[in-house]
Amino acid sequence: MTRILNRPADVTTGRGGLPVSFRCGGARHRVRQVMDSWHEAGRWWEQESETVTYRVATVDGGVFELTRNLASNRWYLYKAYD
């Protein structure tokens, strides 16, 4: 099961701009592995910005999707897997 959260997140990146940790809702999560990543062009005809999404596994066993809006450089905790 997954939960769509789409909340702002404070993400720390490492080599190559990959997420190494993130904070959302007060808890800090360390990334153990970047499992997958992909770019989405957005609905350009509606002026949506391009995004890049990372599916990550955390040290404490969670799996999340972090999305970065490339135009604003803002990060969001988009999805949590249960």
N, C-alpha and C. Protein backbone atom coordinates (compact mmCIF):
# COMPACT_ATOMS: atom_id res chain seq x y z
N MET A 1 0.85 -1.18 0.00
CA MET A 1 0.00 0.00 0.00
C MET A 1 0.89 1.24 0.00
N THR A 2 0.43 2.29 -0.64
CA THR A 2 1.17 3.54 -0.67
C THR A 2 0.29 4.68 -0.20
N ARG A 3 0.96 5.71 0.29
CA ARG A 3 0.26 6.93 0.71
C ARG A 3 0.86 8.10 -0.06
N ILE A 4 0.02 8.89 -0.71
CA ILE A 4 0.45 10.11 -1.37
C ILE A 4 0.49 11.20 -0.31
N LEU A 5 1.67 11.79 -0.11
CA LEU A 5 1.84 12.82 0.91
C LEU A 5 2.02 14.20 0.28
N ASN A 6 2.91 14.30 -0.69
CA ASN A 6 3.20 15.55 -1.40
C ASN A 6 3.43 16.72 -0.46
N ARG A 7 4.32 16.53 0.51
CA ARG A 7 4.66 17.56 1.50
C ARG A 7 6.06 18.09 1.25
N PRO A 8 6.29 19.38 1.51
CA PRO A 8 7.66 19.90 1.38
C PRO A 8 8.62 19.12 2.27
N ALA A 9 9.84 18.91 1.77
CA ALA A 9 10.84 18.16 2.52
C ALA A 9 12.17 18.89 2.44
N ASP A 10 12.95 18.77 3.50
CA ASP A 10 14.31 19.31 3.55
C ASP A 10 15.24 18.15 3.19
N VAL A 11 15.82 18.20 1.99
CA VAL A 11 16.63 17.09 1.49
C VAL A 11 18.09 17.52 1.43
N THR A 12 18.96 16.66 1.93
CA THR A 12 20.41 16.84 1.81
C THR A 12 20.88 15.92 0.70
N THR A 13 21.66 16.50 -0.22
CA THR A 13 22.14 15.70 -1.35
C THR A 13 23.64 15.47 -1.22
N GLY A 14 24.09 14.44 -1.91
CA GLY A 14 25.50 14.09 -1.94
C GLY A 14 26.03 14.15 -3.35
N ARG A 15 26.96 13.28 -3.62
CA ARG A 15 27.60 13.22 -4.93
C ARG A 15 26.56 13.02 -6.03
N GLY A 16 26.68 13.83 -7.07
CA GLY A 16 25.76 13.72 -8.20
C GLY A 16 24.37 14.24 -7.93
N GLY A 17 24.16 14.91 -6.81
CA GLY A 17 22.85 15.46 -6.48
C GLY A 17 21.86 14.44 -5.96
N LEU A 18 22.34 13.23 -5.64
CA LEU A 18 21.45 12.20 -5.11
C LEU A 18 21.12 12.46 -3.64
N PRO A 19 19.88 12.19 -3.23
CA PRO A 19 19.50 12.42 -1.83
C PRO A 19 20.23 11.45 -0.89
N VAL A 20 20.75 12.00 0.22
CA VAL A 20 21.41 11.17 1.23
C VAL A 20 20.64 11.18 2.55
N SER A 21 19.80 12.18 2.75
CA SER A 21 18.92 12.22 3.92
C SER A 21 17.82 13.23 3.64
N PHE A 22 16.74 13.12 4.43
CA PHE A 22 15.66 14.08 4.28
C PHE A 22 14.91 14.20 5.60
N ARG A 23 14.30 15.36 5.77
CA ARG A 23 13.48 15.64 6.95
C ARG A 23 12.11 16.09 6.47
N CYS A 24 11.11 15.49 7.06
CA CYS A 24 9.73 15.89 6.78
C CYS A 24 8.92 15.59 8.03
N GLY A 25 8.25 16.58 8.55
CA GLY A 25 7.45 16.38 9.75
C GLY A 25 8.28 16.18 11.00
N GLY A 26 9.50 16.67 11.00
CA GLY A 26 10.34 16.60 12.20
C GLY A 26 11.31 15.45 12.26
N ALA A 27 11.03 14.35 11.59
CA ALA A 27 11.92 13.19 11.64
C ALA A 27 12.95 13.26 10.52
N ARG A 28 14.20 12.93 10.85
CA ARG A 28 15.27 12.88 9.85
C ARG A 28 15.45 11.42 9.43
N HIS A 29 15.47 11.18 8.13
CA HIS A 29 15.64 9.84 7.58
C HIS A 29 16.93 9.80 6.76
N ARG A 30 17.78 8.83 7.01
CA ARG A 30 19.00 8.64 6.22
C ARG A 30 18.72 7.66 5.09
N VAL A 31 19.14 8.00 3.90
CA VAL A 31 18.93 7.15 2.73
C VAL A 31 19.99 6.06 2.71
N ARG A 32 19.55 4.82 2.63
CA ARG A 32 20.45 3.68 2.51
C ARG A 32 20.76 3.40 1.05
N GLN A 33 19.72 3.55 0.19
CA GLN A 33 19.88 3.22 -1.23
C GLN A 33 18.91 4.02 -2.08
N VAL A 34 19.40 4.54 -3.20
CA VAL A 34 18.51 5.09 -4.22
C VAL A 34 18.14 3.92 -5.12
N MET A 35 16.89 3.53 -5.08
CA MET A 35 16.42 2.34 -5.78
C MET A 35 16.10 2.60 -7.25
N ASP A 36 15.64 3.80 -7.56
CA ASP A 36 15.24 4.14 -8.92
C ASP A 36 15.14 5.65 -9.02
N SER A 37 15.19 6.16 -10.23
CA SER A 37 14.96 7.59 -10.45
C SER A 37 14.43 7.79 -11.86
N TRP A 38 13.67 8.88 -12.05
CA TRP A 38 13.13 9.19 -13.36
C TRP A 38 12.79 10.67 -13.45
N HIS A 39 12.80 11.17 -14.67
CA HIS A 39 12.42 12.55 -14.97
C HIS A 39 11.02 12.57 -15.56
N GLU A 40 10.29 13.62 -15.24
CA GLU A 40 8.98 13.85 -15.85
C GLU A 40 8.95 15.26 -16.40
N ALA A 41 8.49 15.41 -17.62
CA ALA A 41 8.48 16.72 -18.27
C ALA A 41 7.39 17.63 -17.70
N GLY A 42 6.37 17.08 -17.10
CA GLY A 42 5.25 17.90 -16.63
C GLY A 42 4.35 18.28 -17.79
N ARG A 43 3.25 18.86 -17.46
CA ARG A 43 2.32 19.31 -18.51
C ARG A 43 2.79 20.68 -18.98
N TRP A 44 3.73 20.66 -19.94
CA TRP A 44 4.35 21.90 -20.40
C TRP A 44 3.33 22.88 -20.95
N TRP A 45 2.21 22.38 -21.51
CA TRP A 45 1.18 23.25 -22.05
C TRP A 45 0.44 24.00 -20.95
N GLU A 46 0.64 23.56 -19.69
CA GLU A 46 0.08 24.26 -18.53
C GLU A 46 1.20 24.89 -17.69
N GLN A 47 2.38 25.03 -18.28
CA GLN A 47 3.55 25.64 -17.66
C GLN A 47 4.05 24.89 -16.41
N GLU A 48 3.79 23.58 -16.34
CA GLU A 48 4.35 22.79 -15.25
C GLU A 48 5.84 22.58 -15.48
N SER A 49 6.59 22.56 -14.41
CA SER A 49 8.03 22.39 -14.49
C SER A 49 8.41 20.92 -14.56
N GLU A 50 9.60 20.69 -15.07
CA GLU A 50 10.16 19.35 -15.08
C GLU A 50 10.51 18.93 -13.65
N THR A 51 10.34 17.65 -13.36
CA THR A 51 10.69 17.13 -12.04
C THR A 51 11.57 15.90 -12.20
N VAL A 52 12.31 15.60 -11.15
CA VAL A 52 13.04 14.35 -11.05
C VAL A 52 12.59 13.69 -9.75
N THR A 53 12.30 12.39 -9.82
CA THR A 53 11.82 11.65 -8.66
C THR A 53 12.80 10.53 -8.34
N TYR A 54 13.05 10.34 -7.04
CA TYR A 54 13.92 9.28 -6.55
C TYR A 54 13.12 8.37 -5.63
N ARG A 55 13.13 7.08 -5.90
CA ARG A 55 12.57 6.10 -4.96
C ARG A 55 13.74 5.65 -4.10
N VAL A 56 13.61 5.86 -2.77
CA VAL A 56 14.72 5.59 -1.87
C VAL A 56 14.30 4.63 -0.76
N ALA A 57 15.27 3.86 -0.29
CA ALA A 57 15.11 3.03 0.90
C ALA A 57 15.92 3.68 2.00
N THR A 58 15.34 3.77 3.19
CA THR A 58 16.02 4.42 4.30
C THR A 58 16.65 3.39 5.23
N VAL A 59 17.57 3.87 6.05
CA VAL A 59 18.27 3.02 7.01
C VAL A 59 17.28 2.33 7.95
N ASP A 60 16.20 3.02 8.30
CA ASP A 60 15.22 2.45 9.24
C ASP A 60 14.18 1.57 8.55
N GLY A 61 14.37 1.24 7.26
CA GLY A 61 13.51 0.28 6.57
C GLY A 61 12.37 0.86 5.78
N GLY A 62 12.24 2.17 5.71
CA GLY A 62 11.16 2.79 4.94
C GLY A 62 11.50 2.89 3.46
N VAL A 63 10.46 3.01 2.63
CA VAL A 63 10.63 3.25 1.20
C VAL A 63 9.77 4.47 0.86
N PHE A 64 10.40 5.45 0.20
CA PHE A 64 9.75 6.73 -0.07
C PHE A 64 10.07 7.19 -1.48
N GLU A 65 9.27 8.13 -2.00
CA GLU A 65 9.58 8.83 -3.23
C GLU A 65 9.78 10.30 -2.91
N LEU A 66 10.93 10.81 -3.30
CA LEU A 66 11.27 12.22 -3.14
C LEU A 66 11.29 12.85 -4.53
N THR A 67 10.61 13.98 -4.68
CA THR A 67 10.53 14.66 -5.96
C THR A 67 11.13 16.05 -5.85
N ARG A 68 11.97 16.41 -6.84
CA ARG A 68 12.56 17.75 -6.88
C ARG A 68 12.04 18.48 -8.10
N ASN A 69 11.44 19.64 -7.88
CA ASN A 69 11.00 20.52 -8.95
C ASN A 69 12.26 21.21 -9.48
N LEU A 70 12.60 21.00 -10.74
CA LEU A 70 13.85 21.52 -11.28
C LEU A 70 13.84 23.03 -11.45
N ALA A 71 12.69 23.64 -11.68
CA ALA A 71 12.62 25.09 -11.86
C ALA A 71 12.83 25.83 -10.53
N SER A 72 12.21 25.33 -9.47
CA SER A 72 12.29 26.02 -8.17
C SER A 72 13.34 25.41 -7.25
N ASN A 73 13.84 24.23 -7.60
CA ASN A 73 14.78 23.46 -6.77
C ASN A 73 14.18 23.11 -5.41
N ARG A 74 12.86 22.98 -5.35
CA ARG A 74 12.18 22.58 -4.11
C ARG A 74 11.96 21.07 -4.13
N TRP A 75 12.09 20.48 -2.94
CA TRP A 75 11.91 19.04 -2.76
C TRP A 75 10.59 18.76 -2.06
N TYR A 76 10.02 17.60 -2.39
CA TYR A 76 8.77 17.15 -1.77
C TYR A 76 8.88 15.67 -1.44
N LEU A 77 8.35 15.29 -0.29
CA LEU A 77 8.15 13.90 0.02
C LEU A 77 6.82 13.54 -0.62
N TYR A 78 6.90 12.88 -1.76
CA TYR A 78 5.70 12.63 -2.55
C TYR A 78 4.93 11.41 -2.09
N LYS A 79 5.62 10.31 -1.80
CA LYS A 79 4.92 9.07 -1.53
C LYS A 79 5.66 8.26 -0.48
N ALA A 80 4.90 7.55 0.37
CA ALA A 80 5.46 6.61 1.35
C ALA A 80 4.85 5.24 1.08
N TYR A 81 5.70 4.22 1.06
CA TYR A 81 5.25 2.85 0.86
C TYR A 81 5.13 2.15 2.22
N ASP A 82 4.04 1.45 2.41
CA ASP A 82 3.84 0.72 3.67
C ASP A 82 4.23 -0.74 3.51
